[in-house]
Amino acid sequence: HLTQSIGVAMDEDSLLDFARQAAIKGV
């Protein structure tokens, strides 16, 4: 929950999967 932003250079499918997992961690 102390991670504010993750700047990304990923393809869209990979990003969507990563973002869902990171969001539940608090990002």
mmCIF file of all heavy atoms, coordinates in Angstrom:
data_MODEL
# 
_entry.id   MODEL 
# 
loop_
_atom_site.group_PDB 
_atom_site.id 
_atom_site.type_symbol 
_atom_site.label_atom_id 
_atom_site.label_alt_id 
_atom_site.label_comp_id 
_atom_site.label_asym_id 
_atom_site.label_entity_id 
_atom_site.label_seq_id 
_atom_site.pdbx_PDB_ins_code 
_atom_site.Cartn_x 
_atom_site.Cartn_y 
_atom_site.Cartn_z 
_atom_site.occupancy 
_atom_site.B_iso_or_equiv 
_atom_site.pdbx_formal_charge 
_atom_site.auth_seq_id 
_atom_site.auth_comp_id 
_atom_site.auth_asym_id 
_atom_site.auth_atom_id 
_atom_site.pdbx_PDB_model_num 
ATOM 1   N N   . HIS A 1 1  ? 0.822  -1.213  0.000   1.00 0.00 ? 1  HIS A N   1 
ATOM 2   C CA  . HIS A 1 1  ? 0.000  0.000   0.000   1.00 0.00 ? 1  HIS A CA  1 
ATOM 3   C C   . HIS A 1 1  ? 0.853  1.259   0.000   1.00 0.00 ? 1  HIS A C   1 
ATOM 4   O O   . HIS A 1 1  ? 0.338  2.366   -0.198  1.00 0.00 ? 1  HIS A O   1 
ATOM 5   C CB  . HIS A 1 1  ? -0.935 0.006   1.216   1.00 0.00 ? 1  HIS A CB  1 
ATOM 6   C CG  . HIS A 1 1  ? -0.219 0.131   2.526   1.00 0.00 ? 1  HIS A CG  1 
ATOM 7   N ND1 . HIS A 1 1  ? 0.539  -0.892  3.065   1.00 0.00 ? 1  HIS A ND1 1 
ATOM 8   C CD2 . HIS A 1 1  ? -0.130 1.159   3.410   1.00 0.00 ? 1  HIS A CD2 1 
ATOM 9   C CE1 . HIS A 1 1  ? 1.053  -0.503  4.213   1.00 0.00 ? 1  HIS A CE1 1 
ATOM 10  N NE2 . HIS A 1 1  ? 0.660  0.742   4.445   1.00 0.00 ? 1  HIS A NE2 1 
ATOM 11  N N   . LEU A 1 2  ? 2.159  1.102   0.213   1.00 0.00 ? 2  LEU A N   1 
ATOM 12  C CA  . LEU A 1 2  ? 3.071  2.237   0.168   1.00 0.00 ? 2  LEU A CA  1 
ATOM 13  C C   . LEU A 1 2  ? 3.724  2.394   -1.208  1.00 0.00 ? 2  LEU A C   1 
ATOM 14  O O   . LEU A 1 2  ? 4.613  3.229   -1.380  1.00 0.00 ? 2  LEU A O   1 
ATOM 15  C CB  . LEU A 1 2  ? 4.154  2.098   1.247   1.00 0.00 ? 2  LEU A CB  1 
ATOM 16  C CG  . LEU A 1 2  ? 3.641  2.122   2.688   1.00 0.00 ? 2  LEU A CG  1 
ATOM 17  C CD1 . LEU A 1 2  ? 4.784  1.932   3.674   1.00 0.00 ? 2  LEU A CD1 1 
ATOM 18  C CD2 . LEU A 1 2  ? 2.894  3.421   2.982   1.00 0.00 ? 2  LEU A CD2 1 
ATOM 19  N N   . THR A 1 3  ? 3.295  1.589   -2.183  1.00 0.00 ? 3  THR A N   1 
ATOM 20  C CA  . THR A 1 3  ? 3.758  1.745   -3.560  1.00 0.00 ? 3  THR A CA  1 
ATOM 21  C C   . THR A 1 3  ? 2.728  2.586   -4.296  1.00 0.00 ? 3  THR A C   1 
ATOM 22  O O   . THR A 1 3  ? 1.589  2.163   -4.457  1.00 0.00 ? 3  THR A O   1 
ATOM 23  C CB  . THR A 1 3  ? 3.906  0.379   -4.265  1.00 0.00 ? 3  THR A CB  1 
ATOM 24  O OG1 . THR A 1 3  ? 4.691  -0.499  -3.457  1.00 0.00 ? 3  THR A OG1 1 
ATOM 25  C CG2 . THR A 1 3  ? 4.565  0.563   -5.631  1.00 0.00 ? 3  THR A CG2 1 
ATOM 26  N N   . GLN A 1 4  ? 3.128  3.778   -4.728  1.00 0.00 ? 4  GLN A N   1 
ATOM 27  C CA  . GLN A 1 4  ? 2.157  4.678   -5.352  1.00 0.00 ? 4  GLN A CA  1 
ATOM 28  C C   . GLN A 1 4  ? 1.968  4.394   -6.823  1.00 0.00 ? 4  GLN A C   1 
ATOM 29  O O   . GLN A 1 4  ? 0.879  4.135   -7.291  1.00 0.00 ? 4  GLN A O   1 
ATOM 30  C CB  . GLN A 1 4  ? 2.584  6.130   -5.125  1.00 0.00 ? 4  GLN A CB  1 
ATOM 31  C CG  . GLN A 1 4  ? 1.425  7.108   -5.102  1.00 0.00 ? 4  GLN A CG  1 
ATOM 32  C CD  . GLN A 1 4  ? 1.259  7.837   -6.420  1.00 0.00 ? 4  GLN A CD  1 
ATOM 33  O OE1 . GLN A 1 4  ? 1.712  7.412   -7.450  1.00 0.00 ? 4  GLN A OE1 1 
ATOM 34  N NE2 . GLN A 1 4  ? 0.561  8.942   -6.362  1.00 0.00 ? 4  GLN A NE2 1 
ATOM 35  N N   . SER A 1 5  ? 3.062  4.451   -7.592  1.00 0.00 ? 5  SER A N   1 
ATOM 36  C CA  . SER A 1 5  ? 2.976  4.287   -9.043  1.00 0.00 ? 5  SER A CA  1 
ATOM 37  C C   . SER A 1 5  ? 4.011  3.281   -9.526  1.00 0.00 ? 5  SER A C   1 
ATOM 38  O O   . SER A 1 5  ? 5.129  3.231   -9.008  1.00 0.00 ? 5  SER A O   1 
ATOM 39  C CB  . SER A 1 5  ? 3.217  5.612   -9.767  1.00 0.00 ? 5  SER A CB  1 
ATOM 40  O OG  . SER A 1 5  ? 2.306  6.601   -9.359  1.00 0.00 ? 5  SER A OG  1 
ATOM 41  N N   . ILE A 1 6  ? 3.636  2.510   -10.530 1.00 0.00 ? 6  ILE A N   1 
ATOM 42  C CA  . ILE A 1 6  ? 4.583  1.670   -11.247 1.00 0.00 ? 6  ILE A CA  1 
ATOM 43  C C   . ILE A 1 6  ? 4.541  2.092   -12.705 1.00 0.00 ? 6  ILE A C   1 
ATOM 44  O O   . ILE A 1 6  ? 3.540  1.872   -13.404 1.00 0.00 ? 6  ILE A O   1 
ATOM 45  C CB  . ILE A 1 6  ? 4.259  0.166   -11.118 1.00 0.00 ? 6  ILE A CB  1 
ATOM 46  C CG1 . ILE A 1 6  ? 4.301  -0.272  -9.648  1.00 0.00 ? 6  ILE A CG1 1 
ATOM 47  C CG2 . ILE A 1 6  ? 5.246  -0.660  -11.947 1.00 0.00 ? 6  ILE A CG2 1 
ATOM 48  C CD1 . ILE A 1 6  ? 3.983  -1.743  -9.437  1.00 0.00 ? 6  ILE A CD1 1 
ATOM 49  N N   . GLY A 1 7  ? 5.607  2.743   -13.160 1.00 0.00 ? 7  GLY A N   1 
ATOM 50  C CA  . GLY A 1 7  ? 5.705  3.101   -14.569 1.00 0.00 ? 7  GLY A CA  1 
ATOM 51  C C   . GLY A 1 7  ? 5.975  1.850   -15.380 1.00 0.00 ? 7  GLY A C   1 
ATOM 52  O O   . GLY A 1 7  ? 6.801  1.014   -14.982 1.00 0.00 ? 7  GLY A O   1 
ATOM 53  N N   . VAL A 1 8  ? 5.301  1.695   -16.503 1.00 0.00 ? 8  VAL A N   1 
ATOM 54  C CA  . VAL A 1 8  ? 5.380  0.431   -17.230 1.00 0.00 ? 8  VAL A CA  1 
ATOM 55  C C   . VAL A 1 8  ? 5.750  0.623   -18.698 1.00 0.00 ? 8  VAL A C   1 
ATOM 56  O O   . VAL A 1 8  ? 5.368  1.603   -19.335 1.00 0.00 ? 8  VAL A O   1 
ATOM 57  C CB  . VAL A 1 8  ? 4.047  -0.346  -17.142 1.00 0.00 ? 8  VAL A CB  1 
ATOM 58  C CG1 . VAL A 1 8  ? 3.787  -0.802  -15.721 1.00 0.00 ? 8  VAL A CG1 1 
ATOM 59  C CG2 . VAL A 1 8  ? 2.885  0.496   -17.654 1.00 0.00 ? 8  VAL A CG2 1 
ATOM 60  N N   . ALA A 1 9  ? 6.513  -0.335  -19.195 1.00 0.00 ? 9  ALA A N   1 
ATOM 61  C CA  . ALA A 1 9  ? 6.731  -0.515  -20.628 1.00 0.00 ? 9  ALA A CA  1 
ATOM 62  C C   . ALA A 1 9  ? 6.460  -1.987  -20.882 1.00 0.00 ? 9  ALA A C   1 
ATOM 63  O O   . ALA A 1 9  ? 7.349  -2.838  -20.797 1.00 0.00 ? 9  ALA A O   1 
ATOM 64  C CB  . ALA A 1 9  ? 8.149  -0.124  -21.028 1.00 0.00 ? 9  ALA A CB  1 
ATOM 65  N N   . MET A 1 10 ? 5.182  -2.309  -21.133 1.00 0.00 ? 10 MET A N   1 
ATOM 66  C CA  . MET A 1 10 ? 4.709  -3.678  -21.316 1.00 0.00 ? 10 MET A CA  1 
ATOM 67  C C   . MET A 1 10 ? 3.664  -3.702  -22.413 1.00 0.00 ? 10 MET A C   1 
ATOM 68  O O   . MET A 1 10 ? 3.052  -2.669  -22.709 1.00 0.00 ? 10 MET A O   1 
ATOM 69  C CB  . MET A 1 10 ? 4.036  -4.220  -20.034 1.00 0.00 ? 10 MET A CB  1 
ATOM 70  C CG  . MET A 1 10 ? 4.836  -4.225  -18.781 1.00 0.00 ? 10 MET A CG  1 
ATOM 71  S SD  . MET A 1 10 ? 3.830  -4.912  -17.421 1.00 0.00 ? 10 MET A SD  1 
ATOM 72  C CE  . MET A 1 10 ? 4.968  -4.692  -16.051 1.00 0.00 ? 10 MET A CE  1 
ATOM 73  N N   . ASP A 1 11 ? 3.415  -4.880  -22.966 1.00 0.00 ? 11 ASP A N   1 
ATOM 74  C CA  . ASP A 1 11 ? 2.283  -4.980  -23.888 1.00 0.00 ? 11 ASP A CA  1 
ATOM 75  C C   . ASP A 1 11 ? 0.988  -5.018  -23.067 1.00 0.00 ? 11 ASP A C   1 
ATOM 76  O O   . ASP A 1 11 ? 0.995  -5.282  -21.874 1.00 0.00 ? 11 ASP A O   1 
ATOM 77  C CB  . ASP A 1 11 ? 2.400  -6.188  -24.817 1.00 0.00 ? 11 ASP A CB  1 
ATOM 78  C CG  . ASP A 1 11 ? 2.250  -7.524  -24.107 1.00 0.00 ? 11 ASP A CG  1 
ATOM 79  O OD1 . ASP A 1 11 ? 1.291  -7.702  -23.333 1.00 0.00 ? 11 ASP A OD1 1 
ATOM 80  O OD2 . ASP A 1 11 ? 3.095  -8.417  -24.329 1.00 0.00 ? 11 ASP A OD2 1 
ATOM 81  N N   . GLU A 1 12 ? -0.120 -4.745  -23.738 1.00 0.00 ? 12 GLU A N   1 
ATOM 82  C CA  . GLU A 1 12 ? -1.378 -4.515  -23.020 1.00 0.00 ? 12 GLU A CA  1 
ATOM 83  C C   . GLU A 1 12 ? -1.833 -5.727  -22.223 1.00 0.00 ? 12 GLU A C   1 
ATOM 84  O O   . GLU A 1 12 ? -2.246 -5.600  -21.062 1.00 0.00 ? 12 GLU A O   1 
ATOM 85  C CB  . GLU A 1 12 ? -2.466 -4.102  -24.013 1.00 0.00 ? 12 GLU A CB  1 
ATOM 86  C CG  . GLU A 1 12 ? -3.780 -3.720  -23.339 1.00 0.00 ? 12 GLU A CG  1 
ATOM 87  C CD  . GLU A 1 12 ? -4.797 -3.173  -24.311 1.00 0.00 ? 12 GLU A CD  1 
ATOM 88  O OE1 . GLU A 1 12 ? -4.406 -2.725  -25.409 1.00 0.00 ? 12 GLU A OE1 1 
ATOM 89  O OE2 . GLU A 1 12 ? -5.993 -3.180  -23.962 1.00 0.00 ? 12 GLU A OE2 1 
ATOM 90  N N   . ASP A 1 13 ? -1.784 -6.912  -22.815 1.00 0.00 ? 13 ASP A N   1 
ATOM 91  C CA  . ASP A 1 13 ? -2.248 -8.117  -22.112 1.00 0.00 ? 13 ASP A CA  1 
ATOM 92  C C   . ASP A 1 13 ? -1.419 -8.372  -20.862 1.00 0.00 ? 13 ASP A C   1 
ATOM 93  O O   . ASP A 1 13 ? -1.947 -8.700  -19.791 1.00 0.00 ? 13 ASP A O   1 
ATOM 94  C CB  . ASP A 1 13 ? -2.196 -9.331  -23.035 1.00 0.00 ? 13 ASP A CB  1 
ATOM 95  C CG  . ASP A 1 13 ? -3.242 -9.270  -24.131 1.00 0.00 ? 13 ASP A CG  1 
ATOM 96  O OD1 . ASP A 1 13 ? -4.234 -8.531  -23.955 1.00 0.00 ? 13 ASP A OD1 1 
ATOM 97  O OD2 . ASP A 1 13 ? -3.068 -9.954  -25.165 1.00 0.00 ? 13 ASP A OD2 1 
ATOM 98  N N   . SER A 1 14 ? -0.110 -8.237  -21.008 1.00 0.00 ? 14 SER A N   1 
ATOM 99  C CA  . SER A 1 14 ? 0.780  -8.451  -19.870 1.00 0.00 ? 14 SER A CA  1 
ATOM 100 C C   . SER A 1 14 ? 0.519  -7.411  -18.787 1.00 0.00 ? 14 SER A C   1 
ATOM 101 O O   . SER A 1 14 ? 0.489  -7.726  -17.595 1.00 0.00 ? 14 SER A O   1 
ATOM 102 C CB  . SER A 1 14 ? 2.229  -8.384  -20.345 1.00 0.00 ? 14 SER A CB  1 
ATOM 103 O OG  . SER A 1 14 ? 3.120  -8.557  -19.269 1.00 0.00 ? 14 SER A OG  1 
ATOM 104 N N   . LEU A 1 15 ? 0.298  -6.162  -19.192 1.00 0.00 ? 15 LEU A N   1 
ATOM 105 C CA  . LEU A 1 15 ? 0.048  -5.082  -18.241 1.00 0.00 ? 15 LEU A CA  1 
ATOM 106 C C   . LEU A 1 15 ? -1.240 -5.319  -17.453 1.00 0.00 ? 15 LEU A C   1 
ATOM 107 O O   . LEU A 1 15 ? -1.274 -5.145  -16.241 1.00 0.00 ? 15 LEU A O   1 
ATOM 108 C CB  . LEU A 1 15 ? -0.022 -3.744  -18.971 1.00 0.00 ? 15 LEU A CB  1 
ATOM 109 C CG  . LEU A 1 15 ? -0.493 -2.538  -18.150 1.00 0.00 ? 15 LEU A CG  1 
ATOM 110 C CD1 . LEU A 1 15 ? 0.399  -2.309  -16.945 1.00 0.00 ? 15 LEU A CD1 1 
ATOM 111 C CD2 . LEU A 1 15 ? -0.538 -1.290  -19.018 1.00 0.00 ? 15 LEU A CD2 1 
ATOM 112 N N   . LEU A 1 16 ? -2.305 -5.708  -18.141 1.00 0.00 ? 16 LEU A N   1 
ATOM 113 C CA  . LEU A 1 16 ? -3.589 -5.906  -17.467 1.00 0.00 ? 16 LEU A CA  1 
ATOM 114 C C   . LEU A 1 16 ? -3.479 -6.983  -16.395 1.00 0.00 ? 16 LEU A C   1 
ATOM 115 O O   . LEU A 1 16 ? -4.010 -6.836  -15.285 1.00 0.00 ? 16 LEU A O   1 
ATOM 116 C CB  . LEU A 1 16 ? -4.668 -6.267  -18.486 1.00 0.00 ? 16 LEU A CB  1 
ATOM 117 C CG  . LEU A 1 16 ? -5.084 -5.132  -19.437 1.00 0.00 ? 16 LEU A CG  1 
ATOM 118 C CD1 . LEU A 1 16 ? -6.057 -5.653  -20.492 1.00 0.00 ? 16 LEU A CD1 1 
ATOM 119 C CD2 . LEU A 1 16 ? -5.703 -3.982  -18.659 1.00 0.00 ? 16 LEU A CD2 1 
ATOM 120 N N   . ASP A 1 17 ? -2.784 -8.059  -16.704 1.00 0.00 ? 17 ASP A N   1 
ATOM 121 C CA  . ASP A 1 17 ? -2.620 -9.133  -15.720 1.00 0.00 ? 17 ASP A CA  1 
ATOM 122 C C   . ASP A 1 17 ? -1.752 -8.668  -14.555 1.00 0.00 ? 17 ASP A C   1 
ATOM 123 O O   . ASP A 1 17 ? -2.087 -8.884  -13.379 1.00 0.00 ? 17 ASP A O   1 
ATOM 124 C CB  . ASP A 1 17 ? -1.987 -10.346 -16.400 1.00 0.00 ? 17 ASP A CB  1 
ATOM 125 C CG  . ASP A 1 17 ? -1.754 -11.490 -15.424 1.00 0.00 ? 17 ASP A CG  1 
ATOM 126 O OD1 . ASP A 1 17 ? -2.760 -12.047 -14.913 1.00 0.00 ? 17 ASP A OD1 1 
ATOM 127 O OD2 . ASP A 1 17 ? -0.580 -11.818 -15.146 1.00 0.00 ? 17 ASP A OD2 1 
ATOM 128 N N   . PHE A 1 18 ? -0.654 -7.987  -14.873 1.00 0.00 ? 18 PHE A N   1 
ATOM 129 C CA  . PHE A 1 18 ? 0.248  -7.495  -13.836 1.00 0.00 ? 18 PHE A CA  1 
ATOM 130 C C   . PHE A 1 18 ? -0.448 -6.475  -12.942 1.00 0.00 ? 18 PHE A C   1 
ATOM 131 O O   . PHE A 1 18 ? -0.326 -6.503  -11.713 1.00 0.00 ? 18 PHE A O   1 
ATOM 132 C CB  . PHE A 1 18 ? 1.486  -6.885  -14.492 1.00 0.00 ? 18 PHE A CB  1 
ATOM 133 C CG  . PHE A 1 18 ? 2.428  -6.224  -13.529 1.00 0.00 ? 18 PHE A CG  1 
ATOM 134 C CD1 . PHE A 1 18 ? 3.256  -6.974  -12.712 1.00 0.00 ? 18 PHE A CD1 1 
ATOM 135 C CD2 . PHE A 1 18 ? 2.498  -4.835  -13.442 1.00 0.00 ? 18 PHE A CD2 1 
ATOM 136 C CE1 . PHE A 1 18 ? 4.134  -6.366  -11.822 1.00 0.00 ? 18 PHE A CE1 1 
ATOM 137 C CE2 . PHE A 1 18 ? 3.363  -4.218  -12.564 1.00 0.00 ? 18 PHE A CE2 1 
ATOM 138 C CZ  . PHE A 1 18 ? 4.189  -4.981  -11.754 1.00 0.00 ? 18 PHE A CZ  1 
ATOM 139 N N   . ALA A 1 19 ? -1.207 -5.557  -13.562 1.00 0.00 ? 19 ALA A N   1 
ATOM 140 C CA  . ALA A 1 19 ? -1.862 -4.489  -12.803 1.00 0.00 ? 19 ALA A CA  1 
ATOM 141 C C   . ALA A 1 19 ? -2.899 -5.045  -11.827 1.00 0.00 ? 19 ALA A C   1 
ATOM 142 O O   . ALA A 1 19 ? -3.030 -4.556  -10.704 1.00 0.00 ? 19 ALA A O   1 
ATOM 143 C CB  . ALA A 1 19 ? -2.513 -3.494  -13.758 1.00 0.00 ? 19 ALA A CB  1 
ATOM 144 N N   . ARG A 1 20 ? -3.635 -6.040  -12.241 1.00 0.00 ? 20 ARG A N   1 
ATOM 145 C CA  . ARG A 1 20 ? -4.634 -6.628  -11.330 1.00 0.00 ? 20 ARG A CA  1 
ATOM 146 C C   . ARG A 1 20 ? -3.955 -7.239  -10.108 1.00 0.00 ? 20 ARG A C   1 
ATOM 147 O O   . ARG A 1 20 ? -4.439 -7.111  -8.986  1.00 0.00 ? 20 ARG A O   1 
ATOM 148 C CB  . ARG A 1 20 ? -5.470 -7.686  -12.064 1.00 0.00 ? 20 ARG A CB  1 
ATOM 149 C CG  . ARG A 1 20 ? -6.531 -7.094  -12.979 1.00 0.00 ? 20 ARG A CG  1 
ATOM 150 C CD  . ARG A 1 20 ? -7.448 -8.175  -13.546 1.00 0.00 ? 20 ARG A CD  1 
ATOM 151 N NE  . ARG A 1 20 ? -8.155 -8.908  -12.505 1.00 0.00 ? 20 ARG A NE  1 
ATOM 152 C CZ  . ARG A 1 20 ? -9.276 -8.490  -11.920 1.00 0.00 ? 20 ARG A CZ  1 
ATOM 153 N NH1 . ARG A 1 20 ? -9.801 -7.332  -12.249 1.00 0.00 ? 20 ARG A NH1 1 
ATOM 154 N NH2 . ARG A 1 20 ? -9.859 -9.229  -10.999 1.00 0.00 ? 20 ARG A NH2 1 
ATOM 155 N N   . GLN A 1 21 ? -2.837 -7.890  -10.324 1.00 0.00 ? 21 GLN A N   1 
ATOM 156 C CA  . GLN A 1 21 ? -2.137 -8.512  -9.196  1.00 0.00 ? 21 GLN A CA  1 
ATOM 157 C C   . GLN A 1 21 ? -1.467 -7.467  -8.303  1.00 0.00 ? 21 GLN A C   1 
ATOM 158 O O   . GLN A 1 21 ? -1.445 -7.609  -7.073  1.00 0.00 ? 21 GLN A O   1 
ATOM 159 C CB  . GLN A 1 21 ? -1.074 -9.487  -9.730  1.00 0.00 ? 21 GLN A CB  1 
ATOM 160 C CG  . GLN A 1 21 ? -1.657 -10.679 -10.475 1.00 0.00 ? 21 GLN A CG  1 
ATOM 161 C CD  . GLN A 1 21 ? -0.578 -11.644 -10.922 1.00 0.00 ? 21 GLN A CD  1 
ATOM 162 O OE1 . GLN A 1 21 ? 0.078  -12.283 -10.099 1.00 0.00 ? 21 GLN A OE1 1 
ATOM 163 N NE2 . GLN A 1 21 ? -0.383 -11.756 -12.229 1.00 0.00 ? 21 GLN A NE2 1 
ATOM 164 N N   . ALA A 1 22 ? -0.932 -6.414  -8.930  1.00 0.00 ? 22 ALA A N   1 
ATOM 165 C CA  . ALA A 1 22 ? -0.270 -5.380  -8.140  1.00 0.00 ? 22 ALA A CA  1 
ATOM 166 C C   . ALA A 1 22 ? -1.281 -4.517  -7.391  1.00 0.00 ? 22 ALA A C   1 
ATOM 167 O O   . ALA A 1 22 ? -1.014 -4.050  -6.279  1.00 0.00 ? 22 ALA A O   1 
ATOM 168 C CB  . ALA A 1 22 ? 0.602  -4.509  -9.050  1.00 0.00 ? 22 ALA A CB  1 
ATOM 169 N N   . ALA A 1 23 ? -2.454 -4.300  -8.002  1.00 0.00 ? 23 ALA A N   1 
ATOM 170 C CA  . ALA A 1 23 ? -3.479 -3.466  -7.370  1.00 0.00 ? 23 ALA A CA  1 
ATOM 171 C C   . ALA A 1 23 ? -3.952 -4.080  -6.060  1.00 0.00 ? 23 ALA A C   1 
ATOM 172 O O   . ALA A 1 23 ? -4.182 -3.366  -5.072  1.00 0.00 ? 23 ALA A O   1 
ATOM 173 C CB  . ALA A 1 23 ? -4.647 -3.258  -8.323  1.00 0.00 ? 23 ALA A CB  1 
ATOM 174 N N   . ILE A 1 24 ? -4.093 -5.402  -6.041  1.00 0.00 ? 24 ILE A N   1 
ATOM 175 C CA  . ILE A 1 24 ? -4.556 -6.056  -4.817  1.00 0.00 ? 24 ILE A CA  1 
ATOM 176 C C   . ILE A 1 24 ? -3.495 -5.963  -3.717  1.00 0.00 ? 24 ILE A C   1 
ATOM 177 O O   . ILE A 1 24 ? -3.807 -6.053  -2.522  1.00 0.00 ? 24 ILE A O   1 
ATOM 178 C CB  . ILE A 1 24 ? -4.939 -7.533  -5.086  1.00 0.00 ? 24 ILE A CB  1 
ATOM 179 C CG1 . ILE A 1 24 ? -5.844 -8.066  -3.975  1.00 0.00 ? 24 ILE A CG1 1 
ATOM 180 C CG2 . ILE A 1 24 ? -3.719 -8.403  -5.245  1.00 0.00 ? 24 ILE A CG2 1 
ATOM 181 C CD1 . ILE A 1 24 ? -7.204 -7.434  -3.924  1.00 0.00 ? 24 ILE A CD1 1 
ATOM 182 N N   . LYS A 1 25 ? -2.256 -5.691  -4.116  1.00 0.00 ? 25 LYS A N   1 
ATOM 183 C CA  . LYS A 1 25 ? -1.185 -5.477  -3.137  1.00 0.00 ? 25 LYS A CA  1 
ATOM 184 C C   . LYS A 1 25 ? -1.216 -4.057  -2.575  1.00 0.00 ? 25 LYS A C   1 
ATOM 185 O O   . LYS A 1 25 ? -0.581 -3.776  -1.560  1.00 0.00 ? 25 LYS A O   1 
ATOM 186 C CB  . LYS A 1 25 ? 0.176  -5.702  -3.802  1.00 0.00 ? 25 LYS A CB  1 
ATOM 187 C CG  . LYS A 1 25 ? 0.423  -7.116  -4.298  1.00 0.00 ? 25 LYS A CG  1 
ATOM 188 C CD  . LYS A 1 25 ? 1.031  -7.969  -3.227  1.00 0.00 ? 25 LYS A CD  1 
ATOM 189 C CE  . LYS A 1 25 ? 1.488  -9.301  -3.775  1.00 0.00 ? 25 LYS A CE  1 
ATOM 190 N NZ  . LYS A 1 25 ? 2.165  -10.121 -2.738  1.00 0.00 ? 25 LYS A NZ  1 
ATOM 191 N N   . GLY A 1 26 ? -1.925 -3.154  -3.293  1.00 0.00 ? 26 GLY A N   1 
ATOM 192 C CA  . GLY A 1 26 ? -2.054 -1.788  -2.801  1.00 0.00 ? 26 GLY A CA  1 
ATOM 193 C C   . GLY A 1 26 ? -1.587 -0.703  -3.757  1.00 0.00 ? 26 GLY A C   1 
ATOM 194 O O   . GLY A 1 26 ? -1.685 0.484   -3.431  1.00 0.00 ? 26 GLY A O   1 
ATOM 195 N N   . VAL A 1 27 ? -1.083 -1.060  -4.952  1.00 0.00 ? 27 VAL A N   1 
ATOM 196 C CA  . VAL A 1 27 ? -0.555 -0.069  -5.893  1.00 0.00 ? 27 VAL A CA  1 
ATOM 197 C C   . VAL A 1 27 ? -1.702 0.748   -6.493  1.00 0.00 ? 27 VAL A C   1 
ATOM 198 O O   . VAL A 1 27 ? -2.757 0.210   -6.832  1.00 0.00 ? 27 VAL A O   1 
ATOM 199 C CB  . VAL A 1 27 ? 0.266  -0.754  -7.009  1.00 0.00 ? 27 VAL A CB  1 
ATOM 200 C CG1 . VAL A 1 27 ? 0.869  0.290   -7.945  1.00 0.00 ? 27 VAL A CG1 1 
ATOM 201 C CG2 . VAL A 1 27 ? 1.367  -1.625  -6.393  1.00 0.00 ? 27 VAL A CG2 1 
# 
